[in-house]
Amino acid sequence: MGRVRLVESRAEGEEVTNMDDKDLKLIRQIVASDCRKYTAGNIDRSRYDRLIDLKWLTPFKTSISDVEYQATEKGRAAALADAS
C-alpha cells in the first residue's frame, strides 16, 4: 500500500501532504483510545510529530519529559475515513 496522497482544498502555493499507512494506523489507535495518547520519559516521538505536522494531533506537555497528545477534529476524520 505504501504512501497515500491526502487530497483536500489548499491555498495557492501550499504543498500537498503525504501520509503513509503507519500514520493512519497510529491515528486510528489513538482515536480508539478516547482520542488521547500519553507518552512518558525520554522516548522517540517522531511518529507523533508526523501526526502533528498533518494537524491530526495536538501535543500538551504535562511535565519536562511527558507529553499527552489529543486527536484533532481533522485527525478523528482521518481515522474514520476509509476504515476497513
PDB file of N, CA and C in Angstrom:
ATOM      1  N   MET A   1       0.815  -1.178   0.000  1.00  0.00           N
ATOM      2  CA  MET A   1       0.000   0.000   0.000  1.00  0.00           C
ATOM      3  C   MET A   1       0.866   1.252   0.000  1.00  0.00           C
ATOM      4  N   GLY A   2       1.826   1.363   0.898  1.00  0.00           N
ATOM      5  CA  GLY A   2       2.755   2.481   0.863  1.00  0.00           C
ATOM      6  C   GLY A   2       2.154   3.816   1.214  1.00  0.00           C
ATOM      7  N   ARG A   3       2.479   4.808   0.402  1.00  0.00           N
ATOM      8  CA  ARG A   3       2.056   6.172   0.692  1.00  0.00           C
ATOM      9  C   ARG A   3       0.703   6.480   0.071  1.00  0.00           C
ATOM     10  N   VAL A   4      -0.039   7.319   0.748  1.00  0.00           N
ATOM     11  CA  VAL A   4      -1.363   7.738   0.299  1.00  0.00           C
ATOM     12  C   VAL A   4      -1.331   9.247   0.157  1.00  0.00           C
ATOM     13  N   ARG A   5      -1.897   9.776  -0.893  1.00  0.00           N
ATOM     14  CA  ARG A   5      -1.940  11.224  -1.083  1.00  0.00           C
ATOM     15  C   ARG A   5      -3.202  11.771  -0.434  1.00  0.00           C
ATOM     16  N   LEU A   6      -3.014  12.727   0.466  1.00  0.00           N
ATOM     17  CA  LEU A   6      -4.118  13.378   1.139  1.00  0.00           C
ATOM     18  C   LEU A   6      -4.644  14.470   0.224  1.00  0.00           C
ATOM     19  N   VAL A   7      -5.905  14.369  -0.163  1.00  0.00           N
ATOM     20  CA  VAL A   7      -6.487  15.337  -1.084  1.00  0.00           C
ATOM     21  C   VAL A   7      -7.466  16.213  -0.317  1.00  0.00           C
ATOM     22  N   GLU A   8      -7.242  17.505  -0.380  1.00  0.00           N
ATOM     23  CA  GLU A   8      -8.147  18.477   0.227  1.00  0.00           C
ATOM     24  C   GLU A   8      -7.893  19.821  -0.429  1.00  0.00           C
ATOM     25  N   SER A   9      -8.796  20.753  -0.230  1.00  0.00           N
ATOM     26  CA  SER A   9      -8.591  22.066  -0.837  1.00  0.00           C
ATOM     27  C   SER A   9      -7.462  22.780  -0.097  1.00  0.00           C
ATOM     28  N   ARG A  10      -6.625  23.476  -0.857  1.00  0.00           N
ATOM     29  CA  ARG A  10      -5.460  24.139  -0.296  1.00  0.00           C
ATOM     30  C   ARG A  10      -5.328  25.545  -0.864  1.00  0.00           C
ATOM     31  N   ALA A  11      -4.683  26.386  -0.100  1.00  0.00           N
ATOM     32  CA  ALA A  11      -4.380  27.729  -0.576  1.00  0.00           C
ATOM     33  C   ALA A  11      -3.309  27.636  -1.655  1.00  0.00           C
ATOM     34  N   GLU A  12      -3.296  28.585  -2.547  1.00  0.00           N
ATOM     35  CA  GLU A  12      -2.310  28.586  -3.626  1.00  0.00           C
ATOM     36  C   GLU A  12      -0.895  28.568  -3.057  1.00  0.00           C
ATOM     37  N   GLY A  13      -0.058  27.678  -3.609  1.00  0.00           N
ATOM     38  CA  GLY A  13       1.317  27.567  -3.176  1.00  0.00           C
ATOM     39  C   GLY A  13       1.541  26.626  -2.007  1.00  0.00           C
ATOM     40  N   GLU A  14       0.479  26.119  -1.394  1.00  0.00           N
ATOM     41  CA  GLU A  14       0.620  25.215  -0.263  1.00  0.00           C
ATOM     42  C   GLU A  14       0.909  23.807  -0.776  1.00  0.00           C
ATOM     43  N   GLU A  15       1.802  23.092  -0.102  1.00  0.00           N
ATOM     44  CA  GLU A  15       2.188  21.755  -0.534  1.00  0.00           C
ATOM     45  C   GLU A  15       1.114  20.726  -0.225  1.00  0.00           C
ATOM     46  N   VAL A  16       1.072  19.670  -1.044  1.00  0.00           N
ATOM     47  CA  VAL A  16       0.214  18.526  -0.767  1.00  0.00           C
ATOM     48  C   VAL A  16       0.944  17.661   0.240  1.00  0.00           C
ATOM     49  N   THR A  17       0.247  17.238   1.284  1.00  0.00           N
ATOM     50  CA  THR A  17       0.859  16.458   2.346  1.00  0.00           C
ATOM     51  C   THR A  17       0.703  14.976   2.059  1.00  0.00           C
ATOM     52  N   ASN A  18       1.770  14.219   2.265  1.00  0.00           N
ATOM     53  CA  ASN A  18       1.713  12.774   2.121  1.00  0.00           C
ATOM     54  C   ASN A  18       1.656  12.131   3.495  1.00  0.00           C
ATOM     55  N   MET A  19       0.897  11.083   3.586  1.00  0.00           N
ATOM     56  CA  MET A  19       0.851  10.299   4.810  1.00  0.00           C
ATOM     57  C   MET A  19       1.064   8.854   4.398  1.00  0.00           C
ATOM     58  N   ASP A  20       1.437   8.016   5.336  1.00  0.00           N
ATOM     59  CA  ASP A  20       1.574   6.620   4.980  1.00  0.00           C
ATOM     60  C   ASP A  20       0.672   5.768   5.865  1.00  0.00           C
ATOM     61  N   ASP A  21       0.676   4.476   5.591  1.00  0.00           N
ATOM     62  CA  ASP A  21      -0.205   3.555   6.301  1.00  0.00           C
ATOM     63  C   ASP A  21       0.066   3.548   7.803  1.00  0.00           C
ATOM     64  N   LYS A  22       1.322   3.758   8.196  1.00  0.00           N
ATOM     65  CA  LYS A  22       1.663   3.787   9.621  1.00  0.00           C
ATOM     66  C   LYS A  22       0.996   4.975  10.311  1.00  0.00           C
ATOM     67  N   ASP A  23       0.920   6.120   9.605  1.00  0.00           N
ATOM     68  CA  ASP A  23       0.246   7.293  10.164  1.00  0.00           C
ATOM     69  C   ASP A  23      -1.225   6.997  10.413  1.00  0.00           C
ATOM     70  N   LEU A  24      -1.874   6.379   9.433  1.00  0.00           N
ATOM     71  CA  LEU A  24      -3.294   6.047   9.581  1.00  0.00           C
ATOM     72  C   LEU A  24      -3.521   5.041  10.704  1.00  0.00           C
ATOM     73  N   LYS A  25      -2.657   4.055  10.789  1.00  0.00           N
ATOM     74  CA  LYS A  25      -2.790   3.042  11.845  1.00  0.00           C
ATOM     75  C   LYS A  25      -2.667   3.689  13.221  1.00  0.00           C
ATOM     76  N   LEU A  26      -1.668   4.577  13.391  1.00  0.00           N
ATOM     77  CA  LEU A  26      -1.461   5.228  14.677  1.00  0.00           C
ATOM     78  C   LEU A  26      -2.627   6.142  15.037  1.00  0.00           C
ATOM     79  N   ILE A  27      -3.109   6.959  14.111  1.00  0.00           N
ATOM     80  CA  ILE A  27      -4.224   7.850  14.457  1.00  0.00           C
ATOM     81  C   ILE A  27      -5.475   7.047  14.774  1.00  0.00           C
ATOM     82  N   ARG A  28      -5.680   5.935  14.100  1.00  0.00           N
ATOM     83  CA  ARG A  28      -6.837   5.080  14.413  1.00  0.00           C
ATOM     84  C   ARG A  28      -6.728   4.485  15.808  1.00  0.00           C
ATOM     85  N   GLN A  29      -5.526   4.088  16.215  1.00  0.00           N
ATOM     86  CA  GLN A  29      -5.323   3.560  17.571  1.00  0.00           C
ATOM     87  C   GLN A  29      -5.597   4.640  18.613  1.00  0.00           C
ATOM     88  N   ILE A  30      -5.127   5.851  18.350  1.00  0.00           N
ATOM     89  CA  ILE A  30      -5.327   6.948  19.303  1.00  0.00           C
ATOM     90  C   ILE A  30      -6.804   7.302  19.405  1.00  0.00           C
ATOM     91  N   VAL A  31      -7.488   7.390  18.276  1.00  0.00           N
ATOM     92  CA  VAL A  31      -8.917   7.722  18.286  1.00  0.00           C
ATOM     93  C   VAL A  31      -9.706   6.629  19.018  1.00  0.00           C
ATOM     94  N   ALA A  32      -9.320   5.385  18.832  1.00  0.00           N
ATOM     95  CA  ALA A  32      -9.994   4.275  19.513  1.00  0.00           C
ATOM     96  C   ALA A  32      -9.759   4.303  21.024  1.00  0.00           C
ATOM     97  N   SER A  33      -8.688   4.985  21.449  1.00  0.00           N
ATOM     98  CA  SER A  33      -8.341   5.101  22.871  1.00  0.00           C
ATOM     99  C   SER A  33      -8.773   6.452  23.420  1.00  0.00           C
ATOM    100  N   ASP A  34     -10.004   6.831  23.175  1.00  0.00           N
ATOM    101  CA  ASP A  34     -10.581   8.080  23.701  1.00  0.00           C
ATOM    102  C   ASP A  34      -9.874   9.325  23.156  1.00  0.00           C
ATOM    103  N   CYS A  35      -9.297   9.209  21.961  1.00  0.00           N
ATOM    104  CA  CYS A  35      -8.662  10.333  21.256  1.00  0.00           C
ATOM    105  C   CYS A  35      -7.465  10.928  21.992  1.00  0.00           C
ATOM    106  N   ARG A  36      -6.841  10.137  22.878  1.00  0.00           N
ATOM    107  CA  ARG A  36      -5.690  10.620  23.641  1.00  0.00           C
ATOM    108  C   ARG A  36      -4.591   9.563  23.692  1.00  0.00           C
ATOM    109  N   LYS A  37      -3.346  10.058  23.754  1.00  0.00           N
ATOM    110  CA  LYS A  37      -2.194   9.177  23.932  1.00  0.00           C
ATOM    111  C   LYS A  37      -1.214   9.883  24.854  1.00  0.00           C
ATOM    112  N   TYR A  38      -0.848   9.214  25.945  1.00  0.00           N
ATOM    113  CA  TYR A  38       0.084   9.770  26.917  1.00  0.00           C
ATOM    114  C   TYR A  38       1.433   9.100  26.729  1.00  0.00           C
ATOM    115  N   THR A  39       2.492   9.891  26.608  1.00  0.00           N
ATOM    116  CA  THR A  39       3.844   9.349  26.498  1.00  0.00           C
ATOM    117  C   THR A  39       4.674   9.884  27.650  1.00  0.00           C
ATOM    118  N   ALA A  40       5.494   9.008  28.218  1.00  0.00           N
ATOM    119  CA  ALA A  40       6.293   9.388  29.381  1.00  0.00           C
ATOM    120  C   ALA A  40       7.759   9.067  29.141  1.00  0.00           C
ATOM    121  N   GLY A  41       8.611   9.946  29.633  1.00  0.00           N
ATOM    122  CA  GLY A  41      10.038   9.693  29.600  1.00  0.00           C
ATOM    123  C   GLY A  41      10.707  10.089  28.300  1.00  0.00           C
ATOM    124  N   ASN A  42      11.941   9.687  28.195  1.00  0.00           N
ATOM    125  CA  ASN A  42      12.776  10.027  27.049  1.00  0.00           C
ATOM    126  C   ASN A  42      12.570   8.986  25.951  1.00  0.00           C
ATOM    127  N   ILE A  43      11.577   9.189  25.106  1.00  0.00           N
ATOM    128  CA  ILE A  43      11.275   8.256  24.025  1.00  0.00           C
ATOM    129  C   ILE A  43      11.315   8.988  22.687  1.00  0.00           C
ATOM    130  N   ASP A  44      11.370   8.211  21.609  1.00  0.00           N
ATOM    131  CA  ASP A  44      11.323   8.779  20.258  1.00  0.00           C
ATOM    132  C   ASP A  44       9.869   9.144  19.945  1.00  0.00           C
ATOM    133  N   ARG A  45       9.607  10.408  19.773  1.00  0.00           N
ATOM    134  CA  ARG A  45       8.251  10.874  19.495  1.00  0.00           C
ATOM    135  C   ARG A  45       8.066  11.280  18.032  1.00  0.00           C
ATOM    136  N   SER A  46       8.977  10.853  17.157  1.00  0.00           N
ATOM    137  CA  SER A  46       8.921  11.275  15.756  1.00  0.00           C
ATOM    138  C   SER A  46       7.633  10.836  15.070  1.00  0.00           C
ATOM    139  N   ARG A  47       7.095   9.681  15.414  1.00  0.00           N
ATOM    140  CA  ARG A  47       5.847   9.254  14.761  1.00  0.00           C
ATOM    141  C   ARG A  47       4.673  10.135  15.181  1.00  0.00           C
ATOM    142  N   TYR A  48       4.697  10.662  16.403  1.00  0.00           N
ATOM    143  CA  TYR A  48       3.660  11.595  16.833  1.00  0.00           C
ATOM    144  C   TYR A  48       3.876  12.962  16.178  1.00  0.00           C
ATOM    145  N   ASP A  49       5.149  13.338  15.992  1.00  0.00           N
ATOM    146  CA  ASP A  49       5.459  14.608  15.327  1.00  0.00           C
ATOM    147  C   ASP A  49       4.898  14.635  13.908  1.00  0.00           C
ATOM    148  N   ARG A  50       4.942  13.488  13.213  1.00  0.00           N
ATOM    149  CA  ARG A  50       4.361  13.424  11.866  1.00  0.00           C
ATOM    150  C   ARG A  50       2.863  13.713  11.915  1.00  0.00           C
ATOM    151  N   LEU A  51       2.180  13.197  12.923  1.00  0.00           N
ATOM    152  CA  LEU A  51       0.734  13.436  13.035  1.00  0.00           C
ATOM    153  C   LEU A  51       0.446  14.887  13.417  1.00  0.00           C
ATOM    154  N   ILE A  52       1.349  15.497  14.154  1.00  0.00           N
ATOM    155  CA  ILE A  52       1.216  16.930  14.454  1.00  0.00           C
ATOM    156  C   ILE A  52       1.366  17.725  13.165  1.00  0.00           C
ATOM    157  N   ASP A  53       2.351  17.362  12.339  1.00  0.00           N
ATOM    158  CA  ASP A  53       2.557  18.037  11.053  1.00  0.00           C
ATOM    159  C   ASP A  53       1.336  17.910  10.141  1.00  0.00           C
ATOM    160  N   LEU A  54       0.641  16.774  10.227  1.00  0.00           N
ATOM    161  CA  LEU A  54      -0.580  16.555   9.443  1.00  0.00           C
ATOM    162  C   LEU A  54      -1.790  17.259  10.065  1.00  0.00           C
ATOM    163  N   LYS A  55      -1.561  17.864  11.244  1.00  0.00           N
ATOM    164  CA  LYS A  55      -2.617  18.543  12.010  1.00  0.00           C
ATOM    165  C   LYS A  55      -3.671  17.560  12.514  1.00  0.00           C
ATOM    166  N   TRP A  56      -3.225  16.335  12.791  1.00  0.00           N
ATOM    167  CA  TRP A  56      -4.101  15.287  13.323  1.00  0.00           C
ATOM    168  C   TRP A  56      -4.011  15.189  14.836  1.00  0.00           C
ATOM    169  N   LEU A  57      -2.907  15.700  15.423  1.00  0.00           N
ATOM    170  CA  LEU A  57      -2.720  15.666  16.873  1.00  0.00           C
ATOM    171  C   LEU A  57      -2.310  17.033  17.373  1.00  0.00           C
ATOM    172  N   THR A  58      -2.665  17.292  18.623  1.00  0.00           N
ATOM    173  CA  THR A  58      -2.202  18.474  19.337  1.00  0.00           C
ATOM    174  C   THR A  58      -1.442  17.981  20.567  1.00  0.00           C
ATOM    175  N   PRO A  59      -0.190  18.430  20.759  1.00  0.00           N
ATOM    176  CA  PRO A  59       0.586  17.998  21.926  1.00  0.00           C
ATOM    177  C   PRO A  59       0.369  18.924  23.121  1.00  0.00           C
ATOM    178  N   PHE A  60       0.365  18.327  24.314  1.00  0.00           N
ATOM    179  CA  PHE A  60       0.297  19.091  25.558  1.00  0.00           C
ATOM    180  C   PHE A  60       1.375  18.537  26.477  1.00  0.00           C
ATOM    181  N   LYS A  61       2.368  19.372  26.805  1.00  0.00           N
ATOM    182  CA  LYS A  61       3.421  18.946  27.732  1.00  0.00           C
ATOM    183  C   LYS A  61       2.836  18.903  29.131  1.00  0.00           C
ATOM    184  N   THR A  62       2.944  17.737  29.777  1.00  0.00           N
ATOM    185  CA  THR A  62       2.430  17.596  31.140  1.00  0.00           C
ATOM    186  C   THR A  62       3.540  17.690  32.176  1.00  0.00           C
ATOM    187  N   SER A  63       4.780  17.459  31.738  1.00  0.00           N
ATOM    188  CA  SER A  63       5.961  17.649  32.585  1.00  0.00           C
ATOM    189  C   SER A  63       7.156  17.814  31.652  1.00  0.00           C
ATOM    190  N   ILE A  64       8.333  17.916  32.218  1.00  0.00           N
ATOM    191  CA  ILE A  64       9.526  18.132  31.392  1.00  0.00           C
ATOM    192  C   ILE A  64       9.770  16.979  30.426  1.00  0.00           C
ATOM    193  N   SER A  65       9.326  15.768  30.770  1.00  0.00           N
ATOM    194  CA  SER A  65       9.604  14.609  29.918  1.00  0.00           C
ATOM    195  C   SER A  65       8.352  13.902  29.399  1.00  0.00           C
ATOM    196  N   ASP A  66       7.170  14.390  29.747  1.00  0.00           N
ATOM    197  CA  ASP A  66       5.932  13.718  29.366  1.00  0.00           C
ATOM    198  C   ASP A  66       5.077  14.604  28.470  1.00  0.00           C
ATOM    199  N   VAL A  67       4.412  13.973  27.509  1.00  0.00           N
ATOM    200  CA  VAL A  67       3.549  14.691  26.579  1.00  0.00           C
ATOM    201  C   VAL A  67       2.245  13.900  26.413  1.00  0.00           C
ATOM    202  N   GLU A  68       1.143  14.609  26.458  1.00  0.00           N
ATOM    203  CA  GLU A  68      -0.149  13.999  26.124  1.00  0.00           C
ATOM    204  C   GLU A  68      -0.574  14.554  24.775  1.00  0.00           C
ATOM    205  N   TYR A  69      -0.954  13.650  23.894  1.00  0.00           N
ATOM    206  CA  TYR A  69      -1.424  14.026  22.558  1.00  0.00           C
ATOM    207  C   TYR A  69      -2.928  13.846  22.505  1.00  0.00           C
ATOM    208  N   GLN A  70      -3.604  14.793  21.870  1.00  0.00           N
ATOM    209  CA  GLN A  70      -5.043  14.694  21.674  1.00  0.00           C
ATOM    210  C   GLN A  70      -5.347  14.810  20.191  1.00  0.00           C
ATOM    211  N   ALA A  71      -6.220  13.927  19.721  1.00  0.00           N
ATOM    212  CA  ALA A  71      -6.611  13.938  18.311  1.00  0.00           C
ATOM    213  C   ALA A  71      -7.436  15.188  18.027  1.00  0.00           C
ATOM    214  N   THR A  72      -7.140  15.825  16.915  1.00  0.00           N
ATOM    215  CA  THR A  72      -7.910  16.981  16.470  1.00  0.00           C
ATOM    216  C   THR A  72      -9.132  16.488  15.695  1.00  0.00           C
ATOM    217  N   GLU A  73      -9.998  17.405  15.344  1.00  0.00           N
ATOM    218  CA  GLU A  73     -11.154  17.054  14.522  1.00  0.00           C
ATOM    219  C   GLU A  73     -10.694  16.461  13.185  1.00  0.00           C
ATOM    220  N   LYS A  74      -9.649  17.043  12.615  1.00  0.00           N
ATOM    221  CA  LYS A  74      -9.093  16.545  11.360  1.00  0.00           C
ATOM    222  C   LYS A  74      -8.520  15.132  11.545  1.00  0.00           C
ATOM    223  N   GLY A  75      -7.890  14.875  12.684  1.00  0.00           N
ATOM    224  CA  GLY A  75      -7.355  13.550  12.977  1.00  0.00           C
ATOM    225  C   GLY A  75      -8.450  12.518  13.158  1.00  0.00           C
ATOM    226  N   ARG A  76      -9.525  12.908  13.840  1.00  0.00           N
ATOM    227  CA  ARG A  76     -10.662  11.983  14.028  1.00  0.00           C
ATOM    228  C   ARG A  76     -11.306  11.651  12.677  1.00  0.00           C
ATOM    229  N   ALA A  77     -11.415  12.650  11.810  1.00  0.00           N
ATOM    230  CA  ALA A  77     -11.993  12.423  10.486  1.00  0.00           C
ATOM    231  C   ALA A  77     -11.110  11.478   9.657  1.00  0.00           C
ATOM    232  N   ALA A  78      -9.793  11.672   9.742  1.00  0.00           N
ATOM    233  CA  ALA A  78      -8.861  10.802   9.004  1.00  0.00           C
ATOM    234  C   ALA A  78      -8.949   9.371   9.506  1.00  0.00           C
ATOM    235  N   ALA A  79      -9.099   9.204  10.815  1.00  0.00           N
ATOM    236  CA  ALA A  79      -9.182   7.866  11.401  1.00  0.00           C
ATOM    237  C   ALA A  79     -10.440   7.129  10.957  1.00  0.00           C
ATOM    238  N   LEU A  80     -11.495   7.864  10.738  1.00  0.00           N
ATOM    239  CA  LEU A  80     -12.770   7.251  10.355  1.00  0.00           C
ATOM    240  C   LEU A  80     -12.918   7.078   8.848  1.00  0.00           C
ATOM    241  N   ALA A  81     -12.176   7.844   8.076  1.00  0.00           N
ATOM    242  CA  ALA A  81     -12.283   7.784   6.613  1.00  0.00           C
ATOM    243  C   ALA A  81     -11.703   6.473   6.091  1.00  0.00           C
ATOM    244  N   ASP A  82     -12.437   5.816   5.248  1.00  0.00           N
ATOM    245  CA  ASP A  82     -11.984   4.595   4.582  1.00  0.00           C
ATOM    246  C   ASP A  82     -11.488   3.535   5.545  1.00  0.00           C
ATOM    247  N   ALA A  83     -11.988   3.513   6.773  1.00  0.00           N
ATOM    248  CA  ALA A  83     -11.584   2.483   7.732  1.00  0.00           C
ATOM    249  C   ALA A  83     -12.135   1.148   7.272  1.00  0.00           C
ATOM    250  N   SER A  84     -11.249   0.148   7.181  1.00  0.00           N
ATOM    251  CA  SER A  84     -11.668  -1.180   6.740  1.00  0.00           C
ATOM    252  C   SER A  84     -11.640  -2.147   7.882  1.00  0.00           C
TER     253      SER A  84
END
